[in-house]
PDB file of N, CA and C in Angstrom:
ATOM      1  N   MET A   1      -6.267  -5.218 -14.477  1.00  0.00           N
ATOM      2  CA  MET A   1      -4.899  -5.102 -14.005  1.00  0.00           C
ATOM      3  C   MET A   1      -4.422  -3.683 -14.306  1.00  0.00           C
ATOM      4  N   HIS A   2      -3.744  -3.109 -13.367  1.00  0.00           N
ATOM      5  CA  HIS A   2      -3.161  -1.779 -13.542  1.00  0.00           C
ATOM      6  C   HIS A   2      -1.644  -1.908 -13.557  1.00  0.00           C
ATOM      7  N   TYR A   3      -1.002  -0.970 -14.223  1.00  0.00           N
ATOM      8  CA  TYR A   3       0.443  -0.988 -14.326  1.00  0.00           C
ATOM      9  C   TYR A   3       1.029   0.320 -13.812  1.00  0.00           C
ATOM     10  N   LEU A   4       2.137   0.211 -13.090  1.00  0.00           N
ATOM     11  CA  LEU A   4       2.896   1.349 -12.588  1.00  0.00           C
ATOM     12  C   LEU A   4       4.236   1.371 -13.293  1.00  0.00           C
ATOM     13  N   THR A   5       4.694   2.551 -13.630  1.00  0.00           N
ATOM     14  CA  THR A   5       6.035   2.696 -14.178  1.00  0.00           C
ATOM     15  C   THR A   5       6.878   3.452 -13.167  1.00  0.00           C
ATOM     16  N   ILE A   6       8.026   2.906 -12.819  1.00  0.00           N
ATOM     17  CA  ILE A   6       8.919   3.573 -11.869  1.00  0.00           C
ATOM     18  C   ILE A   6       9.630   4.700 -12.599  1.00  0.00           C
ATOM     19  N   ASP A   7       9.396   5.925 -12.154  1.00  0.00           N
ATOM     20  CA  ASP A   7      10.050   7.086 -12.745  1.00  0.00           C
ATOM     21  C   ASP A   7      11.437   7.281 -12.148  1.00  0.00           C
ATOM     22  N   ARG A   8      11.492   7.252 -10.817  1.00  0.00           N
ATOM     23  CA  ARG A   8      12.770   7.476 -10.137  1.00  0.00           C
ATOM     24  C   ARG A   8      12.631   7.079  -8.661  1.00  0.00           C
ATOM     25  N   PHE A   9      13.765   7.047  -7.990  1.00  0.00           N
ATOM     26  CA  PHE A   9      13.804   6.799  -6.552  1.00  0.00           C
ATOM     27  C   PHE A   9      14.297   8.059  -5.858  1.00  0.00           C
ATOM     28  N   GLU A  10      13.671   8.377  -4.750  1.00  0.00           N
ATOM     29  CA  GLU A  10      14.084   9.495  -3.891  1.00  0.00           C
ATOM     30  C   GLU A  10      14.176   8.957  -2.468  1.00  0.00           C
ATOM     31  N   ALA A  11      15.390   8.692  -2.045  1.00  0.00           N
ATOM     32  CA  ALA A  11      15.641   8.104  -0.719  1.00  0.00           C
ATOM     33  C   ALA A  11      14.828   6.815  -0.590  1.00  0.00           C
ATOM     34  N   GLU A  12      13.939   6.750   0.364  1.00  0.00           N
ATOM     35  CA  GLU A  12      13.158   5.538   0.625  1.00  0.00           C
ATOM     36  C   GLU A  12      11.836   5.520  -0.128  1.00  0.00           C
ATOM     37  N   TRP A  13      11.684   6.373  -1.120  1.00  0.00           N
ATOM     38  CA  TRP A  13      10.448   6.472  -1.882  1.00  0.00           C
ATOM     39  C   TRP A  13      10.691   6.159  -3.348  1.00  0.00           C
ATOM     40  N   ALA A  14       9.686   5.556  -3.979  1.00  0.00           N
ATOM     41  CA  ALA A  14       9.690   5.355  -5.426  1.00  0.00           C
ATOM     42  C   ALA A  14       8.638   6.289  -6.005  1.00  0.00           C
ATOM     43  N   VAL A  15       9.030   7.094  -6.971  1.00  0.00           N
ATOM     44  CA  VAL A  15       8.087   7.954  -7.670  1.00  0.00           C
ATOM     45  C   VAL A  15       7.596   7.154  -8.868  1.00  0.00           C
ATOM     46  N   VAL A  16       6.283   6.920  -8.925  1.00  0.00           N
ATOM     47  CA  VAL A  16       5.714   6.072  -9.965  1.00  0.00           C
ATOM     48  C   VAL A  16       4.615   6.806 -10.721  1.00  0.00           C
ATOM     49  N   GLU A  17       4.347   6.315 -11.928  1.00  0.00           N
ATOM     50  CA  GLU A  17       3.277   6.867 -12.758  1.00  0.00           C
ATOM     51  C   GLU A  17       2.284   5.759 -13.025  1.00  0.00           C
ATOM     52  N   CYS A  18       1.010   6.106 -12.935  1.00  0.00           N
ATOM     53  CA  CYS A  18      -0.058   5.155 -13.217  1.00  0.00           C
ATOM     54  C   CYS A  18      -1.219   5.921 -13.830  1.00  0.00           C
ATOM     55  N   GLY A  19      -1.529   5.650 -15.069  1.00  0.00           N
ATOM     56  CA  GLY A  19      -2.664   6.292 -15.717  1.00  0.00           C
ATOM     57  C   GLY A  19      -2.568   7.802 -15.764  1.00  0.00           C
ATOM     58  N   GLY A  20      -1.377   8.319 -15.900  1.00  0.00           N
ATOM     59  CA  GLY A  20      -1.181   9.765 -15.948  1.00  0.00           C
ATOM     60  C   GLY A  20      -1.016  10.418 -14.586  1.00  0.00           C
ATOM     61  N   LEU A  21      -1.205   9.675 -13.518  1.00  0.00           N
ATOM     62  CA  LEU A  21      -1.007  10.192 -12.164  1.00  0.00           C
ATOM     63  C   LEU A  21       0.400   9.848 -11.691  1.00  0.00           C
ATOM     64  N   ILE A  22       1.014  10.803 -11.007  1.00  0.00           N
ATOM     65  CA  ILE A  22       2.348  10.592 -10.431  1.00  0.00           C
ATOM     66  C   ILE A  22       2.187  10.586  -8.912  1.00  0.00           C
ATOM     67  N   PHE A  23       2.740   9.588  -8.262  1.00  0.00           N
ATOM     68  CA  PHE A  23       2.680   9.543  -6.801  1.00  0.00           C
ATOM     69  C   PHE A  23       3.865   8.750  -6.275  1.00  0.00           C
ATOM     70  N   GLU A  24       4.001   8.764  -4.958  1.00  0.00           N
ATOM     71  CA  GLU A  24       5.113   8.076  -4.300  1.00  0.00           C
ATOM     72  C   GLU A  24       4.616   6.847  -3.560  1.00  0.00           C
ATOM     73  N   LEU A  25       5.435   5.833  -3.570  1.00  0.00           N
ATOM     74  CA  LEU A  25       5.204   4.624  -2.796  1.00  0.00           C
ATOM     75  C   LEU A  25       6.444   4.356  -1.956  1.00  0.00           C
ATOM     76  N   PRO A  26       6.265   3.817  -0.751  1.00  0.00           N
ATOM     77  CA  PRO A  26       7.439   3.419   0.008  1.00  0.00           C
ATOM     78  C   PRO A  26       8.216   2.365  -0.786  1.00  0.00           C
ATOM     79  N   ARG A  27       9.507   2.540  -0.846  1.00  0.00           N
ATOM     80  CA  ARG A  27      10.348   1.649  -1.639  1.00  0.00           C
ATOM     81  C   ARG A  27      10.248   0.190  -1.194  1.00  0.00           C
ATOM     82  N   PHE A  28       9.986  -0.036   0.090  1.00  0.00           N
ATOM     83  CA  PHE A  28       9.937  -1.408   0.590  1.00  0.00           C
ATOM     84  C   PHE A  28       8.770  -2.207  -0.001  1.00  0.00           C
ATOM     85  N   LEU A  29       7.785  -1.529  -0.599  1.00  0.00           N
ATOM     86  CA  LEU A  29       6.669  -2.240  -1.215  1.00  0.00           C
ATOM     87  C   LEU A  29       7.026  -2.824  -2.586  1.00  0.00           C
ATOM     88  N   LEU A  30       8.109  -2.355  -3.162  1.00  0.00           N
ATOM     89  CA  LEU A  30       8.516  -2.796  -4.488  1.00  0.00           C
ATOM     90  C   LEU A  30       9.449  -4.002  -4.391  1.00  0.00           C
ATOM     91  N   PRO A  31       9.503  -4.797  -5.447  1.00  0.00           N
ATOM     92  CA  PRO A  31      10.470  -5.901  -5.450  1.00  0.00           C
ATOM     93  C   PRO A  31      11.892  -5.347  -5.310  1.00  0.00           C
ATOM     94  N   PRO A  32      12.761  -6.039  -4.603  1.00  0.00           N
ATOM     95  CA  PRO A  32      14.111  -5.539  -4.360  1.00  0.00           C
ATOM     96  C   PRO A  32      14.898  -5.235  -5.635  1.00  0.00           C
ATOM     97  N   GLU A  33      14.605  -5.970  -6.708  1.00  0.00           N
ATOM     98  CA  GLU A  33      15.363  -5.782  -7.945  1.00  0.00           C
ATOM     99  C   GLU A  33      14.781  -4.686  -8.839  1.00  0.00           C
ATOM    100  N   ALA A  34      13.677  -4.032  -8.420  1.00  0.00           N
ATOM    101  CA  ALA A  34      13.032  -3.011  -9.246  1.00  0.00           C
ATOM    102  C   ALA A  34      13.972  -1.827  -9.482  1.00  0.00           C
ATOM    103  N   LYS A  35      13.911  -1.295 -10.714  1.00  0.00           N
ATOM    104  CA  LYS A  35      14.767  -0.155 -11.058  1.00  0.00           C
ATOM    105  C   LYS A  35      13.975   0.841 -11.895  1.00  0.00           C
ATOM    106  N   GLU A  36      14.550   2.023 -12.082  1.00  0.00           N
ATOM    107  CA  GLU A  36      13.899   3.068 -12.862  1.00  0.00           C
ATOM    108  C   GLU A  36      13.542   2.545 -14.244  1.00  0.00           C
ATOM    109  N   GLY A  37      12.336   2.879 -14.693  1.00  0.00           N
ATOM    110  CA  GLY A  37      11.862   2.449 -15.998  1.00  0.00           C
ATOM    111  C   GLY A  37      11.119   1.137 -15.980  1.00  0.00           C
ATOM    112  N   ASP A  38      11.231   0.374 -14.897  1.00  0.00           N
ATOM    113  CA  ASP A  38      10.513  -0.895 -14.816  1.00  0.00           C
ATOM    114  C   ASP A  38       9.007  -0.657 -14.730  1.00  0.00           C
ATOM    115  N   VAL A  39       8.263  -1.592 -15.307  1.00  0.00           N
ATOM    116  CA  VAL A  39       6.805  -1.578 -15.217  1.00  0.00           C
ATOM    117  C   VAL A  39       6.401  -2.674 -14.238  1.00  0.00           C
ATOM    118  N   LEU A  40       5.547  -2.314 -13.302  1.00  0.00           N
ATOM    119  CA  LEU A  40       5.068  -3.250 -12.291  1.00  0.00           C
ATOM    120  C   LEU A  40       3.562  -3.409 -12.438  1.00  0.00           C
ATOM    121  N   SER A  41       3.064  -4.615 -12.241  1.00  0.00           N
ATOM    122  CA  SER A  41       1.619  -4.818 -12.238  1.00  0.00           C
ATOM    123  C   SER A  41       1.099  -4.569 -10.823  1.00  0.00           C
ATOM    124  N   LEU A  42      -0.132  -4.099 -10.760  1.00  0.00           N
ATOM    125  CA  LEU A  42      -0.734  -3.768  -9.467  1.00  0.00           C
ATOM    126  C   LEU A  42      -2.123  -4.376  -9.408  1.00  0.00           C
ATOM    127  N   GLU A  43      -2.346  -5.179  -8.397  1.00  0.00           N
ATOM    128  CA  GLU A  43      -3.666  -5.767  -8.175  1.00  0.00           C
ATOM    129  C   GLU A  43      -3.990  -5.600  -6.698  1.00  0.00           C
ATOM    130  N   LEU A  44      -5.090  -4.945  -6.408  1.00  0.00           N
ATOM    131  CA  LEU A  44      -5.531  -4.760  -5.036  1.00  0.00           C
ATOM    132  C   LEU A  44      -6.719  -5.671  -4.775  1.00  0.00           C
ATOM    133  N   ARG A  45      -6.718  -6.324  -3.623  1.00  0.00           N
ATOM    134  CA  ARG A  45      -7.807  -7.217  -3.251  1.00  0.00           C
ATOM    135  C   ARG A  45      -8.335  -6.802  -1.895  1.00  0.00           C
ATOM    136  N   GLN A  46      -9.620  -6.941  -1.732  1.00  0.00           N
ATOM    137  CA  GLN A  46     -10.220  -6.717  -0.429  1.00  0.00           C
ATOM    138  C   GLN A  46      -9.914  -7.932   0.434  1.00  0.00           C
ATOM    139  N   GLU A  47      -9.441  -7.692   1.639  1.00  0.00           N
ATOM    140  CA  GLU A  47      -9.094  -8.771   2.562  1.00  0.00           C
ATOM    141  C   GLU A  47     -10.110  -8.772   3.704  1.00  0.00           C
ATOM    142  N   ALA A  48     -11.232  -9.445   3.479  1.00  0.00           N
ATOM    143  CA  ALA A  48     -12.344  -9.428   4.426  1.00  0.00           C
ATOM    144  C   ALA A  48     -11.944  -9.972   5.799  1.00  0.00           C
ATOM    145  N   GLU A  49     -11.188 -11.050   5.830  1.00  0.00           N
ATOM    146  CA  GLU A  49     -10.805 -11.646   7.111  1.00  0.00           C
ATOM    147  C   GLU A  49      -9.951 -10.674   7.936  1.00  0.00           C
ATOM    148  N   GLU A  50      -8.974 -10.033   7.311  1.00  0.00           N
ATOM    149  CA  GLU A  50      -8.122  -9.072   8.017  1.00  0.00           C
ATOM    150  C   GLU A  50      -8.919  -7.840   8.428  1.00  0.00           C
ATOM    151  N   THR A  51      -9.830  -7.389   7.567  1.00  0.00           N
ATOM    152  CA  THR A  51     -10.683  -6.253   7.906  1.00  0.00           C
ATOM    153  C   THR A  51     -11.496  -6.563   9.156  1.00  0.00           C
ATOM    154  N   ASN A  52     -12.110  -7.727   9.182  1.00  0.00           N
ATOM    155  CA  ASN A  52     -12.922  -8.121  10.340  1.00  0.00           C
ATOM    156  C   ASN A  52     -12.074  -8.252  11.600  1.00  0.00           C
ATOM    157  N   ARG A  53     -10.880  -8.795  11.471  1.00  0.00           N
ATOM    158  CA  ARG A  53      -9.997  -8.948  12.631  1.00  0.00           C
ATOM    159  C   ARG A  53      -9.655  -7.578  13.218  1.00  0.00           C
ATOM    160  N   ARG A  54      -9.343  -6.622  12.362  1.00  0.00           N
ATOM    161  CA  ARG A  54      -8.992  -5.278  12.833  1.00  0.00           C
ATOM    162  C   ARG A  54     -10.197  -4.555  13.421  1.00  0.00           C
ATOM    163  N   ARG A  55     -11.361  -4.713  12.803  1.00  0.00           N
ATOM    164  CA  ARG A  55     -12.580  -4.099  13.352  1.00  0.00           C
ATOM    165  C   ARG A  55     -12.875  -4.627  14.749  1.00  0.00           C
ATOM    166  N   GLU A  56     -12.703  -5.919  14.916  1.00  0.00           N
ATOM    167  CA  GLU A  56     -12.952  -6.525  16.225  1.00  0.00           C
ATOM    168  C   GLU A  56     -11.962  -6.000  17.260  1.00  0.00           C
ATOM    169  N   ARG A  57     -10.724  -5.864  16.874  1.00  0.00           N
ATOM    170  CA  ARG A  57      -9.710  -5.340  17.789  1.00  0.00           C
ATOM    171  C   ARG A  57     -10.055  -3.913  18.215  1.00  0.00           C
ATOM    172  N   VAL A  58     -10.447  -3.086  17.266  1.00  0.00           N
ATOM    173  CA  VAL A  58     -10.824  -1.699  17.589  1.00  0.00           C
ATOM    174  C   VAL A  58     -12.071  -1.681  18.464  1.00  0.00           C
ATOM    175  N   ARG A  59     -13.039  -2.534  18.159  1.00  0.00           N
ATOM    176  CA  ARG A  59     -14.255  -2.588  18.973  1.00  0.00           C
ATOM    177  C   ARG A  59     -13.924  -2.925  20.426  1.00  0.00           C
ATOM    178  N   ARG A  60     -13.007  -3.885  20.623  1.00  0.00           N
ATOM    179  CA  ARG A  60     -12.611  -4.248  21.995  1.00  0.00           C
ATOM    180  C   ARG A  60     -11.910  -3.083  22.682  1.00  0.00           C
ATOM    181  N   LEU A  61     -11.051  -2.362  21.962  1.00  0.00           N
ATOM    182  CA  LEU A  61     -10.371  -1.207  22.549  1.00  0.00           C
ATOM    183  C   LEU A  61     -11.369  -0.120  22.959  1.00  0.00           C
ATOM    184  N   VAL A  62     -12.353   0.140  22.120  1.00  0.00           N
ATOM    185  CA  VAL A  62     -13.372   1.137  22.426  1.00  0.00           C
ATOM    186  C   VAL A  62     -14.201   0.684  23.622  1.00  0.00           C
ATOM    187  N   ASP A  63     -14.572  -0.581  23.634  1.00  0.00           N
ATOM    188  CA  ASP A  63     -15.318  -1.119  24.773  1.00  0.00           C
ATOM    189  C   ASP A  63     -14.534  -0.949  26.069  1.00  0.00           C
ATOM    190  N   ASP A  64     -13.238  -1.221  26.035  1.00  0.00           N
ATOM    191  CA  ASP A  64     -12.391  -1.064  27.231  1.00  0.00           C
ATOM    192  C   ASP A  64     -12.323   0.385  27.676  1.00  0.00           C
ATOM    193  N   LEU A  65     -12.306   1.314  26.740  1.00  0.00           N
ATOM    194  CA  LEU A  65     -12.244   2.729  27.085  1.00  0.00           C
ATOM    195  C   LEU A  65     -13.514   3.207  27.790  1.00  0.00           C
ATOM    196  N   PHE A  66     -14.640   2.723  27.363  1.00  0.00           N
ATOM    197  CA  PHE A  66     -15.913   3.241  27.869  1.00  0.00           C
ATOM    198  C   PHE A  66     -16.604   2.317  28.857  1.00  0.00           C
ATOM    199  N   GLU A  67     -15.910   1.288  29.299  1.00  0.00           N
ATOM    200  CA  GLU A  67     -16.467   0.388  30.302  1.00  0.00           C
ATOM    201  C   GLU A  67     -16.569   1.122  31.635  1.00  0.00           C
ATOM    202  N   PRO A  68     -17.727   1.020  32.286  1.00  0.00           N
ATOM    203  CA  PRO A  68     -17.886   1.718  33.602  1.00  0.00           C
ATOM    204  C   PRO A  68     -17.032   1.103  34.701  1.00  0.00           C
TER     205      PRO A  68
END
């Protein structure tokens, strides 16, 4: 599990710190009640079904482009 600390908000962005790295996240990804100084847990999962669905969609688009 990884943790992010909200440093501050800049318009629609949240400036966060994680493991000594500072970066921005779109504010809409955070819980609505999140505020400066809050610690958030972060867990990323591979979504195989969604990945396959998107790959198939792109494959069909490419096929349509290059169909004789």
